[in-house]
Amino acid sequence: MLWVGMRTSIGTRAMRRRAFVEMIVPRSKLGEIDRDAYAREVEPVFGRDLGVRPPGVMKQLRALGRHDASERLGALSGIPTLVVSGEEDIVAPPAQGRALAAAIDGARYVELEGAAHGLTITRTDELHALLDAHFSQG
C-alpha cells in the first residue's frame, strides 16, 4: 500500500492515475483492463482527474493514522451493524474489517471475494443487495 500510495503523488499525471486505479481495482483484474481508459471511465464518479490529489488528503491520512476510536466501538453493541470488506483491498485490508466487526457485538462481517477498495463502484449490485438485506432486517 505504501508503494502504491506514494505512486499516486509522484511521476506524471498518467502514472499517478494508473497508481490510483491499482488501489481501487483488484490485483487479479488489473491485467484485464486498460488502466488509462478505466481512469477516464470512473473519473465522473470521483468528480476529478484521478491523477490530481485533492487538497487535504494528506491531512486526512495523517488523522486516520493517529485517531483510534476502537475503545468506543462497544457502544454500538445492539445496533445492527454490517461491515463489508474486499478480499483484495490494500487500503483497508480485510483483517481491519474483521477486527472492526469483532469489536462491535453482533456485527455481521461480509468479505467480497475478488473485490478491492473500489467495491462501491466495481461491485455495486452485490453491495446494494447486502445493504438492502441489512436495512430490511431493522
N, C-alpha and C. Protein backbone atom coordinates (compact mmCIF):
# COMPACT_ATOMS: atom_id res chain seq x y z
N MET A 1 0.83 -1.19 0.00
CA MET A 1 0.00 0.00 0.00
C MET A 1 0.87 1.24 0.00
N LEU A 2 1.94 1.25 0.78
CA LEU A 2 2.81 2.42 0.86
C LEU A 2 3.35 2.77 -0.52
N TRP A 3 3.84 1.76 -1.26
CA TRP A 3 4.39 2.00 -2.58
C TRP A 3 3.32 2.54 -3.53
N VAL A 4 2.16 1.93 -3.55
CA VAL A 4 1.08 2.40 -4.43
C VAL A 4 0.67 3.80 -4.01
N GLY A 5 0.54 4.04 -2.71
CA GLY A 5 0.18 5.36 -2.21
C GLY A 5 1.18 6.43 -2.62
N MET A 6 2.45 6.10 -2.54
CA MET A 6 3.49 7.05 -2.97
C MET A 6 3.36 7.33 -4.46
N ARG A 7 3.06 6.30 -5.22
CA ARG A 7 2.97 6.46 -6.67
C ARG A 7 1.78 7.32 -7.08
N THR A 8 0.80 7.52 -6.20
CA THR A 8 -0.32 8.40 -6.54
C THR A 8 0.07 9.87 -6.40
N SER A 9 1.28 10.13 -5.91
CA SER A 9 1.69 11.52 -5.74
C SER A 9 3.00 11.86 -6.45
N ILE A 10 3.62 10.90 -7.13
CA ILE A 10 4.86 11.18 -7.85
C ILE A 10 4.73 10.74 -9.30
N GLY A 11 5.58 11.26 -10.14
CA GLY A 11 5.55 10.89 -11.55
C GLY A 11 4.59 11.76 -12.34
N THR A 12 4.37 11.36 -13.57
CA THR A 12 3.46 12.12 -14.43
C THR A 12 2.03 11.92 -13.97
N ARG A 13 1.16 12.77 -14.47
CA ARG A 13 -0.26 12.66 -14.12
C ARG A 13 -0.80 11.30 -14.54
N ALA A 14 -0.40 10.81 -15.71
CA ALA A 14 -0.85 9.49 -16.18
C ALA A 14 -0.36 8.38 -15.25
N MET A 15 0.86 8.49 -14.77
CA MET A 15 1.39 7.49 -13.83
C MET A 15 0.61 7.52 -12.51
N ARG A 16 0.27 8.72 -12.05
CA ARG A 16 -0.50 8.85 -10.81
C ARG A 16 -1.90 8.27 -10.97
N ARG A 17 -2.50 8.47 -12.15
CA ARG A 17 -3.83 7.89 -12.42
C ARG A 17 -3.77 6.37 -12.35
N ARG A 18 -2.76 5.80 -13.01
CA ARG A 18 -2.63 4.34 -13.01
C ARG A 18 -2.44 3.80 -11.60
N ALA A 19 -1.65 4.50 -10.79
CA ALA A 19 -1.44 4.07 -9.40
C ALA A 19 -2.75 4.11 -8.62
N PHE A 20 -3.55 5.13 -8.85
CA PHE A 20 -4.85 5.23 -8.18
C PHE A 20 -5.74 4.05 -8.57
N VAL A 21 -5.75 3.73 -9.86
CA VAL A 21 -6.54 2.59 -10.34
C VAL A 21 -6.09 1.31 -9.63
N GLU A 22 -4.80 1.17 -9.39
CA GLU A 22 -4.30 -0.02 -8.70
C GLU A 22 -4.82 -0.12 -7.26
N MET A 23 -5.22 0.99 -6.68
CA MET A 23 -5.78 0.96 -5.32
C MET A 23 -7.24 0.52 -5.32
N ILE A 24 -7.96 0.78 -6.41
CA ILE A 24 -9.39 0.52 -6.38
C ILE A 24 -9.82 -0.73 -7.15
N VAL A 25 -8.94 -1.25 -7.99
CA VAL A 25 -9.26 -2.44 -8.79
C VAL A 25 -8.51 -3.62 -8.21
N PRO A 26 -9.14 -4.78 -8.08
CA PRO A 26 -8.44 -5.96 -7.56
C PRO A 26 -7.21 -6.30 -8.41
N ARG A 27 -6.15 -6.66 -7.74
CA ARG A 27 -4.92 -7.04 -8.45
C ARG A 27 -5.20 -8.13 -9.49
N SER A 28 -6.10 -9.04 -9.15
CA SER A 28 -6.41 -10.14 -10.06
C SER A 28 -7.07 -9.67 -11.35
N LYS A 29 -7.57 -8.44 -11.39
CA LYS A 29 -8.24 -7.90 -12.58
C LYS A 29 -7.40 -6.87 -13.33
N LEU A 30 -6.29 -6.42 -12.73
CA LEU A 30 -5.51 -5.35 -13.35
C LEU A 30 -4.99 -5.71 -14.73
N GLY A 31 -4.64 -6.97 -14.95
CA GLY A 31 -4.13 -7.39 -16.24
C GLY A 31 -5.18 -7.42 -17.33
N GLU A 32 -6.45 -7.34 -16.93
CA GLU A 32 -7.56 -7.43 -17.89
C GLU A 32 -8.06 -6.07 -18.35
N ILE A 33 -7.57 -4.99 -17.76
CA ILE A 33 -8.11 -3.68 -18.10
C ILE A 33 -7.04 -2.75 -18.64
N ASP A 34 -7.48 -1.76 -19.38
CA ASP A 34 -6.63 -0.66 -19.81
C ASP A 34 -6.75 0.38 -18.69
N ARG A 35 -5.70 0.56 -17.91
CA ARG A 35 -5.77 1.43 -16.72
C ARG A 35 -6.09 2.87 -17.08
N ASP A 36 -5.56 3.34 -18.20
CA ASP A 36 -5.83 4.72 -18.61
C ASP A 36 -7.31 4.89 -18.97
N ALA A 37 -7.85 3.95 -19.73
CA ALA A 37 -9.26 4.02 -20.11
C ALA A 37 -10.16 3.89 -18.88
N TYR A 38 -9.80 3.01 -17.97
CA TYR A 38 -10.60 2.82 -16.76
C TYR A 38 -10.59 4.10 -15.92
N ALA A 39 -9.43 4.75 -15.81
CA ALA A 39 -9.35 6.00 -15.05
C ALA A 39 -10.29 7.05 -15.64
N ARG A 40 -10.32 7.13 -16.97
CA ARG A 40 -11.23 8.09 -17.62
C ARG A 40 -12.69 7.70 -17.36
N GLU A 41 -12.97 6.40 -17.36
CA GLU A 41 -14.34 5.91 -17.16
C GLU A 41 -14.87 6.25 -15.77
N VAL A 42 -14.04 6.12 -14.74
CA VAL A 42 -14.51 6.35 -13.37
C VAL A 42 -14.29 7.78 -12.88
N GLU A 43 -13.64 8.58 -13.68
CA GLU A 43 -13.39 9.98 -13.29
C GLU A 43 -14.67 10.70 -12.86
N PRO A 44 -15.80 10.56 -13.58
CA PRO A 44 -17.02 11.25 -13.13
C PRO A 44 -17.51 10.79 -11.76
N VAL A 45 -17.26 9.54 -11.42
CA VAL A 45 -17.67 9.02 -10.12
C VAL A 45 -16.93 9.75 -9.00
N PHE A 46 -15.64 10.00 -9.23
CA PHE A 46 -14.81 10.67 -8.23
C PHE A 46 -14.90 12.20 -8.35
N GLY A 47 -15.39 12.68 -9.48
CA GLY A 47 -15.54 14.11 -9.67
C GLY A 47 -14.24 14.85 -9.88
N ARG A 48 -13.23 14.11 -10.34
CA ARG A 48 -11.93 14.75 -10.56
C ARG A 48 -11.04 13.85 -11.40
N ASP A 49 -9.99 14.42 -11.89
CA ASP A 49 -8.94 13.68 -12.58
C ASP A 49 -8.22 12.86 -11.51
N LEU A 50 -8.15 11.56 -11.68
CA LEU A 50 -7.53 10.69 -10.67
C LEU A 50 -6.04 10.93 -10.51
N GLY A 51 -5.44 11.66 -11.44
CA GLY A 51 -4.02 11.98 -11.34
C GLY A 51 -3.74 13.22 -10.51
N VAL A 52 -4.80 13.86 -10.02
CA VAL A 52 -4.65 15.08 -9.21
C VAL A 52 -5.17 14.78 -7.81
N ARG A 53 -4.29 14.92 -6.84
CA ARG A 53 -4.69 14.66 -5.46
C ARG A 53 -5.45 15.87 -4.93
N PRO A 54 -6.64 15.65 -4.37
CA PRO A 54 -7.40 16.77 -3.81
C PRO A 54 -6.69 17.35 -2.59
N PRO A 55 -6.90 18.64 -2.35
CA PRO A 55 -6.29 19.23 -1.16
C PRO A 55 -6.86 18.57 0.09
N GLY A 56 -6.05 18.42 1.08
CA GLY A 56 -6.50 17.87 2.35
C GLY A 56 -6.34 16.37 2.50
N VAL A 57 -6.00 15.66 1.43
CA VAL A 57 -5.89 14.20 1.51
C VAL A 57 -4.80 13.79 2.49
N MET A 58 -3.66 14.45 2.45
CA MET A 58 -2.57 14.08 3.36
C MET A 58 -2.96 14.34 4.81
N LYS A 59 -3.67 15.42 5.07
CA LYS A 59 -4.15 15.69 6.43
C LYS A 59 -5.12 14.60 6.87
N GLN A 60 -5.98 14.20 5.95
CA GLN A 60 -6.95 13.14 6.26
C GLN A 60 -6.23 11.84 6.58
N LEU A 61 -5.23 11.48 5.79
CA LEU A 61 -4.49 10.25 6.03
C LEU A 61 -3.73 10.29 7.36
N ARG A 62 -3.14 11.44 7.67
CA ARG A 62 -2.45 11.58 8.97
C ARG A 62 -3.45 11.42 10.12
N ALA A 63 -4.61 12.04 9.99
CA ALA A 63 -5.63 11.93 11.04
C ALA A 63 -6.09 10.49 11.20
N LEU A 64 -6.26 9.77 10.10
CA LEU A 64 -6.66 8.37 10.17
C LEU A 64 -5.61 7.55 10.89
N GLY A 65 -4.36 7.86 10.65
CA GLY A 65 -3.27 7.12 11.28
C GLY A 65 -3.13 7.40 12.76
N ARG A 66 -3.60 8.56 13.20
CA ARG A 66 -3.43 8.97 14.61
C ARG A 66 -4.66 8.71 15.47
N HIS A 67 -5.82 8.66 14.85
CA HIS A 67 -7.07 8.55 15.61
C HIS A 67 -7.42 7.08 15.85
N ASP A 68 -7.73 6.75 17.07
CA ASP A 68 -8.13 5.39 17.41
C ASP A 68 -9.43 5.44 18.21
N ALA A 69 -10.51 5.04 17.59
CA ALA A 69 -11.81 5.04 18.26
C ALA A 69 -12.23 3.65 18.69
N SER A 70 -11.29 2.70 18.69
CA SER A 70 -11.63 1.31 18.98
C SER A 70 -12.28 1.12 20.35
N GLU A 71 -11.91 1.93 21.33
CA GLU A 71 -12.50 1.79 22.66
C GLU A 71 -13.98 2.18 22.67
N ARG A 72 -14.41 2.96 21.69
CA ARG A 72 -15.79 3.43 21.64
C ARG A 72 -16.70 2.49 20.85
N LEU A 73 -16.14 1.50 20.17
CA LEU A 73 -16.94 0.63 19.32
C LEU A 73 -17.95 -0.21 20.10
N GLY A 74 -17.63 -0.53 21.34
CA GLY A 74 -18.54 -1.30 22.18
C GLY A 74 -19.88 -0.61 22.36
N ALA A 75 -19.89 0.71 22.26
CA ALA A 75 -21.14 1.47 22.40
C ALA A 75 -22.12 1.17 21.27
N LEU A 76 -21.64 0.58 20.20
CA LEU A 76 -22.51 0.24 19.08
C LEU A 76 -23.18 -1.12 19.26
N SER A 77 -22.87 -1.81 20.34
CA SER A 77 -23.47 -3.11 20.62
C SER A 77 -24.99 -3.00 20.58
N GLY A 78 -25.62 -3.92 19.91
CA GLY A 78 -27.07 -3.92 19.82
C GLY A 78 -27.61 -3.13 18.64
N ILE A 79 -26.76 -2.34 17.99
CA ILE A 79 -27.17 -1.61 16.80
C ILE A 79 -26.82 -2.48 15.60
N PRO A 80 -27.78 -2.82 14.75
CA PRO A 80 -27.46 -3.67 13.60
C PRO A 80 -26.32 -3.05 12.78
N THR A 81 -25.24 -3.80 12.66
CA THR A 81 -24.04 -3.29 12.00
C THR A 81 -23.57 -4.27 10.95
N LEU A 82 -23.30 -3.76 9.77
CA LEU A 82 -22.76 -4.55 8.67
C LEU A 82 -21.40 -3.98 8.31
N VAL A 83 -20.39 -4.83 8.28
CA VAL A 83 -19.05 -4.44 7.87
C VAL A 83 -18.72 -5.23 6.61
N VAL A 84 -18.38 -4.52 5.54
CA VAL A 84 -18.07 -5.16 4.26
C VAL A 84 -16.64 -4.83 3.88
N SER A 85 -15.88 -5.86 3.53
CA SER A 85 -14.50 -5.69 3.07
C SER A 85 -14.33 -6.36 1.72
N GLY A 86 -13.37 -5.87 0.97
CA GLY A 86 -12.97 -6.51 -0.27
C GLY A 86 -11.77 -7.40 -0.01
N GLU A 87 -11.83 -8.61 -0.50
CA GLU A 87 -10.76 -9.58 -0.28
C GLU A 87 -9.39 -9.04 -0.69
N GLU A 88 -9.35 -8.22 -1.75
CA GLU A 88 -8.08 -7.72 -2.27
C GLU A 88 -7.86 -6.24 -1.98
N ASP A 89 -8.51 -5.72 -0.96
CA ASP A 89 -8.38 -4.31 -0.60
C ASP A 89 -7.03 -4.06 0.06
N ILE A 90 -6.21 -3.20 -0.58
CA ILE A 90 -4.90 -2.89 0.00
C ILE A 90 -4.95 -1.61 0.83
N VAL A 91 -6.04 -0.85 0.74
CA VAL A 91 -6.19 0.38 1.51
C VAL A 91 -6.75 0.06 2.91
N ALA A 92 -7.82 -0.71 2.94
CA ALA A 92 -8.44 -1.14 4.20
C ALA A 92 -8.55 -2.67 4.12
N PRO A 93 -7.45 -3.36 4.43
CA PRO A 93 -7.41 -4.81 4.28
C PRO A 93 -8.50 -5.53 5.08
N PRO A 94 -8.91 -6.71 4.61
CA PRO A 94 -9.95 -7.47 5.30
C PRO A 94 -9.68 -7.69 6.79
N ALA A 95 -8.44 -7.82 7.17
CA ALA A 95 -8.12 -8.01 8.60
C ALA A 95 -8.66 -6.84 9.42
N GLN A 96 -8.61 -5.64 8.86
CA GLN A 96 -9.14 -4.47 9.57
C GLN A 96 -10.67 -4.54 9.64
N GLY A 97 -11.31 -4.99 8.58
CA GLY A 97 -12.76 -5.15 8.60
C GLY A 97 -13.20 -6.20 9.61
N ARG A 98 -12.46 -7.31 9.64
CA ARG A 98 -12.79 -8.37 10.61
C ARG A 98 -12.61 -7.86 12.04
N ALA A 99 -11.55 -7.10 12.28
CA ALA A 99 -11.30 -6.55 13.62
C ALA A 99 -12.41 -5.57 14.01
N LEU A 100 -12.83 -4.75 13.06
CA LEU A 100 -13.91 -3.80 13.32
C LEU A 100 -15.19 -4.53 13.69
N ALA A 101 -15.55 -5.53 12.90
CA ALA A 101 -16.77 -6.30 13.17
C ALA A 101 -16.67 -7.03 14.51
N ALA A 102 -15.50 -7.56 14.83
CA ALA A 102 -15.32 -8.28 16.09
C ALA A 102 -15.46 -7.36 17.29
N ALA A 103 -15.15 -6.08 17.12
CA ALA A 103 -15.21 -5.13 18.22
C ALA A 103 -16.63 -4.62 18.48
N ILE A 104 -17.54 -4.94 17.58
CA ILE A 104 -18.93 -4.49 17.73
C ILE A 104 -19.80 -5.73 17.92
N ASP A 105 -20.27 -5.91 19.15
CA ASP A 105 -21.06 -7.09 19.48
C ASP A 105 -22.26 -7.22 18.54
N GLY A 106 -22.36 -8.37 17.86
CA GLY A 106 -23.48 -8.63 16.98
C GLY A 106 -23.29 -8.16 15.55
N ALA A 107 -22.16 -7.54 15.24
CA ALA A 107 -21.92 -7.06 13.87
C ALA A 107 -21.80 -8.24 12.91
N ARG A 108 -22.24 -8.02 11.71
CA ARG A 108 -22.12 -9.02 10.66
C ARG A 108 -20.98 -8.59 9.74
N TYR A 109 -20.10 -9.53 9.43
CA TYR A 109 -18.97 -9.27 8.55
C TYR A 109 -19.15 -10.02 7.24
N VAL A 110 -18.96 -9.31 6.12
CA VAL A 110 -19.02 -9.92 4.80
C VAL A 110 -17.78 -9.50 4.03
N GLU A 111 -17.12 -10.49 3.45
CA GLU A 111 -15.93 -10.22 2.64
C GLU A 111 -16.25 -10.61 1.20
N LEU A 112 -16.15 -9.64 0.30
CA LEU A 112 -16.45 -9.90 -1.10
C LEU A 112 -15.20 -10.43 -1.80
N GLU A 113 -15.30 -11.66 -2.24
CA GLU A 113 -14.18 -12.33 -2.92
C GLU A 113 -13.83 -11.57 -4.20
N GLY A 114 -12.54 -11.36 -4.40
CA GLY A 114 -12.07 -10.71 -5.63
C GLY A 114 -12.37 -9.22 -5.71
N ALA A 115 -12.78 -8.60 -4.61
CA ALA A 115 -13.07 -7.16 -4.61
C ALA A 115 -11.91 -6.40 -3.97
N ALA A 116 -11.79 -5.14 -4.34
CA ALA A 116 -10.75 -4.27 -3.78
C ALA A 116 -11.41 -3.05 -3.14
N HIS A 117 -10.64 -2.01 -2.92
CA HIS A 117 -11.13 -0.83 -2.23
C HIS A 117 -12.25 -0.13 -2.99
N GLY A 118 -12.27 -0.28 -4.28
CA GLY A 118 -13.31 0.37 -5.09
C GLY A 118 -14.57 -0.45 -5.22
N LEU A 119 -14.83 -1.34 -4.28
CA LEU A 119 -16.00 -2.23 -4.41
C LEU A 119 -17.31 -1.46 -4.50
N THR A 120 -17.34 -0.24 -4.01
CA THR A 120 -18.58 0.54 -4.11
C THR A 120 -18.91 0.92 -5.55
N ILE A 121 -17.90 0.88 -6.44
CA ILE A 121 -18.15 1.19 -7.84
C ILE A 121 -17.96 -0.03 -8.75
N THR A 122 -17.24 -1.03 -8.27
CA THR A 122 -17.00 -2.22 -9.11
C THR A 122 -17.95 -3.36 -8.80
N ARG A 123 -18.55 -3.36 -7.62
CA ARG A 123 -19.44 -4.45 -7.21
C ARG A 123 -20.75 -3.89 -6.66
N THR A 124 -21.28 -2.89 -7.33
CA THR A 124 -22.46 -2.18 -6.82
C THR A 124 -23.67 -3.08 -6.60
N ASP A 125 -23.92 -4.00 -7.52
CA ASP A 125 -25.10 -4.86 -7.37
C ASP A 125 -25.02 -5.70 -6.10
N GLU A 126 -23.86 -6.30 -5.87
CA GLU A 126 -23.70 -7.12 -4.67
C GLU A 126 -23.79 -6.28 -3.40
N LEU A 127 -23.15 -5.12 -3.44
CA LEU A 127 -23.17 -4.24 -2.27
C LEU A 127 -24.59 -3.74 -2.00
N HIS A 128 -25.30 -3.36 -3.04
CA HIS A 128 -26.69 -2.91 -2.85
C HIS A 128 -27.56 -4.01 -2.28
N ALA A 129 -27.37 -5.25 -2.74
CA ALA A 129 -28.15 -6.38 -2.22
C ALA A 129 -27.84 -6.59 -0.73
N LEU A 130 -26.58 -6.49 -0.36
CA LEU A 130 -26.21 -6.63 1.05
C LEU A 130 -26.84 -5.53 1.89
N LEU A 131 -26.75 -4.30 1.40
CA LEU A 131 -27.32 -3.17 2.14
C LEU A 131 -28.84 -3.27 2.22
N ASP A 132 -29.47 -3.66 1.13
CA ASP A 132 -30.93 -3.82 1.13
C ASP A 132 -31.36 -4.86 2.17
N ALA A 133 -30.67 -6.00 2.16
CA ALA A 133 -31.00 -7.05 3.15
C ALA A 133 -30.74 -6.56 4.58
N HIS A 134 -29.65 -5.83 4.77
CA HIS A 134 -29.30 -5.33 6.09
C HIS A 134 -30.35 -4.35 6.60
N PHE A 135 -30.73 -3.40 5.75
CA PHE A 135 -31.70 -2.39 6.19
C PHE A 135 -33.10 -2.96 6.30
N SER A 136 -33.40 -4.00 5.56
CA SER A 136 -34.72 -4.64 5.63
C SER A 136 -34.91 -5.39 6.94
N GLN A 137 -33.81 -5.81 7.57
CA GLN A 137 -33.90 -6.55 8.83
C GLN A 137 -34.25 -5.64 10.00
N GLY A 138 -33.90 -4.37 9.90
CA GLY A 138 -34.07 -3.44 11.02
C GLY A 138 -35.43 -2.95 11.16
